[in-house]
Amino acid sequence: MKIPLGTPLAIVAYRDFHDVPRLILASDHDVSFWVLDSPFDDDADEYSPSYEIFFVGEDLFAAKQALELWPNGSTGLSIGAIAVDQIRFDDSRRKALTCM
Protein backbone atom coordinates (compact mmCIF):
# COMPACT_ATOMS: atom_id res chain seq x y z
CA MET A 1 0.00 0.00 0.00
CA LYS A 2 1.51 3.31 -1.08
CA ILE A 3 0.75 6.64 0.53
CA PRO A 4 -1.12 8.88 -1.93
CA LEU A 5 0.98 11.64 -3.48
CA GLY A 6 -0.45 15.06 -4.25
CA THR A 7 -3.62 14.36 -2.26
CA PRO A 8 -4.33 16.02 1.09
CA LEU A 9 -4.36 13.60 4.03
CA ALA A 10 -6.05 14.35 7.33
CA ILE A 11 -3.78 14.43 10.38
CA VAL A 12 -5.66 12.23 12.84
CA ALA A 13 -3.11 12.60 15.66
CA TYR A 14 0.48 13.68 16.14
CA ARG A 15 3.30 13.80 18.70
CA ASP A 16 6.72 15.40 19.00
CA PHE A 17 6.05 18.75 17.35
CA HIS A 18 9.21 20.70 16.43
CA ASP A 19 8.59 23.15 13.57
CA VAL A 20 6.33 20.41 12.15
CA PRO A 21 4.83 17.26 13.68
CA ARG A 22 7.53 14.58 13.86
CA LEU A 23 5.29 11.57 14.51
CA ILE A 24 2.01 11.66 12.60
CA LEU A 25 -1.01 9.43 12.13
CA ALA A 26 -2.56 10.41 8.79
CA SER A 27 -5.60 9.15 6.88
CA ASP A 28 -6.82 9.38 3.31
CA HIS A 29 -10.42 9.53 2.10
CA ASP A 30 -10.53 5.73 1.73
CA VAL A 31 -9.84 5.41 5.48
CA SER A 32 -6.37 3.94 5.16
CA PHE A 33 -3.92 4.98 7.88
CA TRP A 34 -0.21 5.76 7.84
CA VAL A 35 2.33 6.69 10.49
CA LEU A 36 5.01 9.14 9.39
CA ASP A 37 8.00 9.08 11.72
CA SER A 38 10.83 11.63 11.77
CA PRO A 39 12.66 10.69 14.99
CA PHE A 40 15.21 12.72 16.90
CA ASP A 41 18.79 11.62 16.25
CA ASP A 42 20.78 12.02 19.49
CA ASP A 43 24.13 11.70 17.70
CA ALA A 44 23.33 14.45 15.19
CA ASP A 45 21.40 16.44 17.83
CA GLU A 46 18.54 17.09 15.40
CA TYR A 47 15.46 15.49 13.90
CA SER A 48 15.72 13.20 10.90
CA PRO A 49 15.45 15.08 7.58
CA SER A 50 12.93 12.48 6.37
CA TYR A 51 9.84 10.65 7.48
CA GLU A 52 9.77 6.88 7.38
CA ILE A 53 6.27 5.89 6.29
CA PHE A 54 4.40 2.93 7.76
CA PHE A 55 1.04 1.58 6.62
CA VAL A 56 -0.92 0.75 9.79
CA GLY A 57 -4.15 -0.55 8.31
CA GLU A 58 -7.74 0.51 7.83
CA ASP A 59 -9.05 0.42 11.39
CA LEU A 60 -9.02 3.73 13.26
CA PHE A 61 -8.82 2.17 16.73
CA ALA A 62 -5.88 -0.07 15.75
CA ALA A 63 -4.12 2.81 14.00
CA LYS A 64 -4.46 5.07 17.07
CA GLN A 65 -3.20 2.25 19.28
CA ALA A 66 -0.19 1.79 16.96
CA LEU A 67 0.64 5.49 17.38
CA GLU A 68 0.26 5.32 21.17
CA LEU A 69 2.70 2.40 21.34
CA TRP A 70 5.11 3.82 18.76
CA PRO A 71 7.83 2.67 18.28
CA ASN A 72 7.51 -0.20 20.78
CA GLY A 73 4.99 -2.80 19.68
CA SER A 74 4.35 -1.09 16.35
CA THR A 75 2.63 -3.22 13.77
CA GLY A 76 3.13 -0.97 10.77
CA LEU A 77 4.58 -2.09 7.47
CA SER A 78 7.40 0.21 6.32
CA ILE A 79 6.68 1.38 2.80
CA GLY A 80 9.54 3.83 2.31
CA ALA A 81 10.59 7.33 3.23
CA ILE A 82 9.98 10.89 2.11
CA ALA A 83 11.98 14.03 2.86
CA VAL A 84 10.40 16.38 5.39
CA ASP A 85 10.67 19.21 2.85
CA GLN A 86 8.56 17.13 0.43
CA ILE A 87 5.59 17.36 2.80
CA ARG A 88 3.24 20.34 2.56
CA PHE A 89 1.26 21.09 5.71
CA ASP A 90 -1.85 23.23 6.16
CA ASP A 91 -1.23 26.65 7.71
CA SER A 92 -1.61 25.31 11.26
CA ARG A 93 0.67 22.32 10.49
CA ARG A 94 -1.72 20.23 12.57
CA LYS A 95 -4.74 19.38 10.40
CA ALA A 96 -3.61 18.15 6.98
CA LEU A 97 -0.57 17.26 4.91
CA THR A 98 0.21 16.48 1.30
CA CYS A 99 3.10 14.31 0.16
CA MET A 100 4.63 15.84 -2.96
C-alpha atoms as a PDB file:
ATOM      1  CA  MET A   1       0.000   0.000   0.000  1.00  0.00           C
ATOM      2  CA  LYS A   2       1.508   3.309  -1.079  1.00  0.00           C
ATOM      3  CA  ILE A   3       0.753   6.637   0.530  1.00  0.00           C
ATOM      4  CA  PRO A   4      -1.121   8.877  -1.926  1.00  0.00           C
ATOM      5  CA  LEU A   5       0.984  11.638  -3.484  1.00  0.00           C
ATOM      6  CA  GLY A   6      -0.446  15.061  -4.248  1.00  0.00           C
ATOM      7  CA  THR A   7      -3.617  14.363  -2.262  1.00  0.00           C
ATOM      8  CA  PRO A   8      -4.332  16.023   1.094  1.00  0.00           C
ATOM      9  CA  LEU A   9      -4.360  13.604   4.028  1.00  0.00           C
ATOM     10  CA  ALA A  10      -6.048  14.346   7.333  1.00  0.00           C
ATOM     11  CA  ILE A  11      -3.784  14.434  10.379  1.00  0.00           C
ATOM     12  CA  VAL A  12      -5.663  12.235  12.842  1.00  0.00           C
ATOM     13  CA  ALA A  13      -3.106  12.605  15.655  1.00  0.00           C
ATOM     14  CA  TYR A  14       0.485  13.677  16.144  1.00  0.00           C
ATOM     15  CA  ARG A  15       3.299  13.802  18.704  1.00  0.00           C
ATOM     16  CA  ASP A  16       6.719  15.405  19.004  1.00  0.00           C
ATOM     17  CA  PHE A  17       6.047  18.755  17.350  1.00  0.00           C
ATOM     18  CA  HIS A  18       9.208  20.702  16.434  1.00  0.00           C
ATOM     19  CA  ASP A  19       8.593  23.146  13.566  1.00  0.00           C
ATOM     20  CA  VAL A  20       6.329  20.412  12.155  1.00  0.00           C
ATOM     21  CA  PRO A  21       4.835  17.263  13.683  1.00  0.00           C
ATOM     22  CA  ARG A  22       7.527  14.582  13.856  1.00  0.00           C
ATOM     23  CA  LEU A  23       5.290  11.571  14.513  1.00  0.00           C
ATOM     24  CA  ILE A  24       2.010  11.664  12.602  1.00  0.00           C
ATOM     25  CA  LEU A  25      -1.007   9.431  12.131  1.00  0.00           C
ATOM     26  CA  ALA A  26      -2.561  10.413   8.787  1.00  0.00           C
ATOM     27  CA  SER A  27      -5.600   9.152   6.884  1.00  0.00           C
ATOM     28  CA  ASP A  28      -6.820   9.377   3.307  1.00  0.00           C
ATOM     29  CA  HIS A  29     -10.424   9.530   2.101  1.00  0.00           C
ATOM     30  CA  ASP A  30     -10.533   5.732   1.729  1.00  0.00           C
ATOM     31  CA  VAL A  31      -9.835   5.410   5.477  1.00  0.00           C
ATOM     32  CA  SER A  32      -6.367   3.944   5.159  1.00  0.00           C
ATOM     33  CA  PHE A  33      -3.916   4.985   7.881  1.00  0.00           C
ATOM     34  CA  TRP A  34      -0.205   5.760   7.837  1.00  0.00           C
ATOM     35  CA  VAL A  35       2.327   6.694  10.490  1.00  0.00           C
ATOM     36  CA  LEU A  36       5.009   9.135   9.388  1.00  0.00           C
ATOM     37  CA  ASP A  37       7.999   9.078  11.724  1.00  0.00           C
ATOM     38  CA  SER A  38      10.833  11.626  11.774  1.00  0.00           C
ATOM     39  CA  PRO A  39      12.661  10.687  14.985  1.00  0.00           C
ATOM     40  CA  PHE A  40      15.210  12.724  16.904  1.00  0.00           C
ATOM     41  CA  ASP A  41      18.789  11.621  16.254  1.00  0.00           C
ATOM     42  CA  ASP A  42      20.778  12.019  19.488  1.00  0.00           C
ATOM     43  CA  ASP A  43      24.128  11.701  17.701  1.00  0.00           C
ATOM     44  CA  ALA A  44      23.328  14.448  15.188  1.00  0.00           C
ATOM     45  CA  ASP A  45      21.402  16.441  17.829  1.00  0.00           C
ATOM     46  CA  GLU A  46      18.539  17.089  15.404  1.00  0.00           C
ATOM     47  CA  TYR A  47      15.462  15.487  13.903  1.00  0.00           C
ATOM     48  CA  SER A  48      15.722  13.204  10.902  1.00  0.00           C
ATOM     49  CA  PRO A  49      15.446  15.077   7.580  1.00  0.00           C
ATOM     50  CA  SER A  50      12.935  12.483   6.371  1.00  0.00           C
ATOM     51  CA  TYR A  51       9.836  10.653   7.481  1.00  0.00           C
ATOM     52  CA  GLU A  52       9.769   6.878   7.382  1.00  0.00           C
ATOM     53  CA  ILE A  53       6.272   5.891   6.287  1.00  0.00           C
ATOM     54  CA  PHE A  54       4.401   2.930   7.758  1.00  0.00           C
ATOM     55  CA  PHE A  55       1.043   1.578   6.617  1.00  0.00           C
ATOM     56  CA  VAL A  56      -0.924   0.754   9.791  1.00  0.00           C
ATOM     57  CA  GLY A  57      -4.155  -0.555   8.315  1.00  0.00           C
ATOM     58  CA  GLU A  58      -7.744   0.515   7.828  1.00  0.00           C
ATOM     59  CA  ASP A  59      -9.046   0.416  11.389  1.00  0.00           C
ATOM     60  CA  LEU A  60      -9.021   3.731  13.264  1.00  0.00           C
ATOM     61  CA  PHE A  61      -8.816   2.171  16.730  1.00  0.00           C
ATOM     62  CA  ALA A  62      -5.880  -0.072  15.748  1.00  0.00           C
ATOM     63  CA  ALA A  63      -4.125   2.814  14.001  1.00  0.00           C
ATOM     64  CA  LYS A  64      -4.460   5.067  17.066  1.00  0.00           C
ATOM     65  CA  GLN A  65      -3.198   2.249  19.275  1.00  0.00           C
ATOM     66  CA  ALA A  66      -0.188   1.791  16.964  1.00  0.00           C
ATOM     67  CA  LEU A  67       0.640   5.493  17.379  1.00  0.00           C
ATOM     68  CA  GLU A  68       0.262   5.321  21.169  1.00  0.00           C
ATOM     69  CA  LEU A  69       2.696   2.400  21.341  1.00  0.00           C
ATOM     70  CA  TRP A  70       5.108   3.815  18.763  1.00  0.00           C
ATOM     71  CA  PRO A  71       7.829   2.675  18.281  1.00  0.00           C
ATOM     72  CA  ASN A  72       7.508  -0.201  20.781  1.00  0.00           C
ATOM     73  CA  GLY A  73       4.993  -2.796  19.675  1.00  0.00           C
ATOM     74  CA  SER A  74       4.355  -1.092  16.353  1.00  0.00           C
ATOM     75  CA  THR A  75       2.625  -3.222  13.771  1.00  0.00           C
ATOM     76  CA  GLY A  76       3.132  -0.972  10.770  1.00  0.00           C
ATOM     77  CA  LEU A  77       4.577  -2.093   7.467  1.00  0.00           C
ATOM     78  CA  SER A  78       7.399   0.212   6.322  1.00  0.00           C
ATOM     79  CA  ILE A  79       6.676   1.376   2.800  1.00  0.00           C
ATOM     80  CA  GLY A  80       9.537   3.828   2.314  1.00  0.00           C
ATOM     81  CA  ALA A  81      10.591   7.327   3.229  1.00  0.00           C
ATOM     82  CA  ILE A  82       9.975  10.892   2.111  1.00  0.00           C
ATOM     83  CA  ALA A  83      11.978  14.029   2.864  1.00  0.00           C
ATOM     84  CA  VAL A  84      10.396  16.379   5.391  1.00  0.00           C
ATOM     85  CA  ASP A  85      10.674  19.206   2.852  1.00  0.00           C
ATOM     86  CA  GLN A  86       8.558  17.126   0.431  1.00  0.00           C
ATOM     87  CA  ILE A  87       5.587  17.361   2.804  1.00  0.00           C
ATOM     88  CA  ARG A  88       3.242  20.344   2.563  1.00  0.00           C
ATOM     89  CA  PHE A  89       1.258  21.094   5.709  1.00  0.00           C
ATOM     90  CA  ASP A  90      -1.851  23.225   6.158  1.00  0.00           C
ATOM     91  CA  ASP A  91      -1.233  26.653   7.714  1.00  0.00           C
ATOM     92  CA  SER A  92      -1.607  25.310  11.256  1.00  0.00           C
ATOM     93  CA  ARG A  93       0.667  22.322  10.485  1.00  0.00           C
ATOM     94  CA  ARG A  94      -1.723  20.233  12.568  1.00  0.00           C
ATOM     95  CA  LYS A  95      -4.741  19.377  10.397  1.00  0.00           C
ATOM     96  CA  ALA A  96      -3.609  18.149   6.978  1.00  0.00           C
ATOM     97  CA  LEU A  97      -0.567  17.261   4.915  1.00  0.00           C
ATOM     98  CA  THR A  98       0.207  16.482   1.300  1.00  0.00           C
ATOM     99  CA  CYS A  99       3.103  14.312   0.160  1.00  0.00           C
ATOM    100  CA  MET A 100       4.627  15.841  -2.965  1.00  0.00           C
END
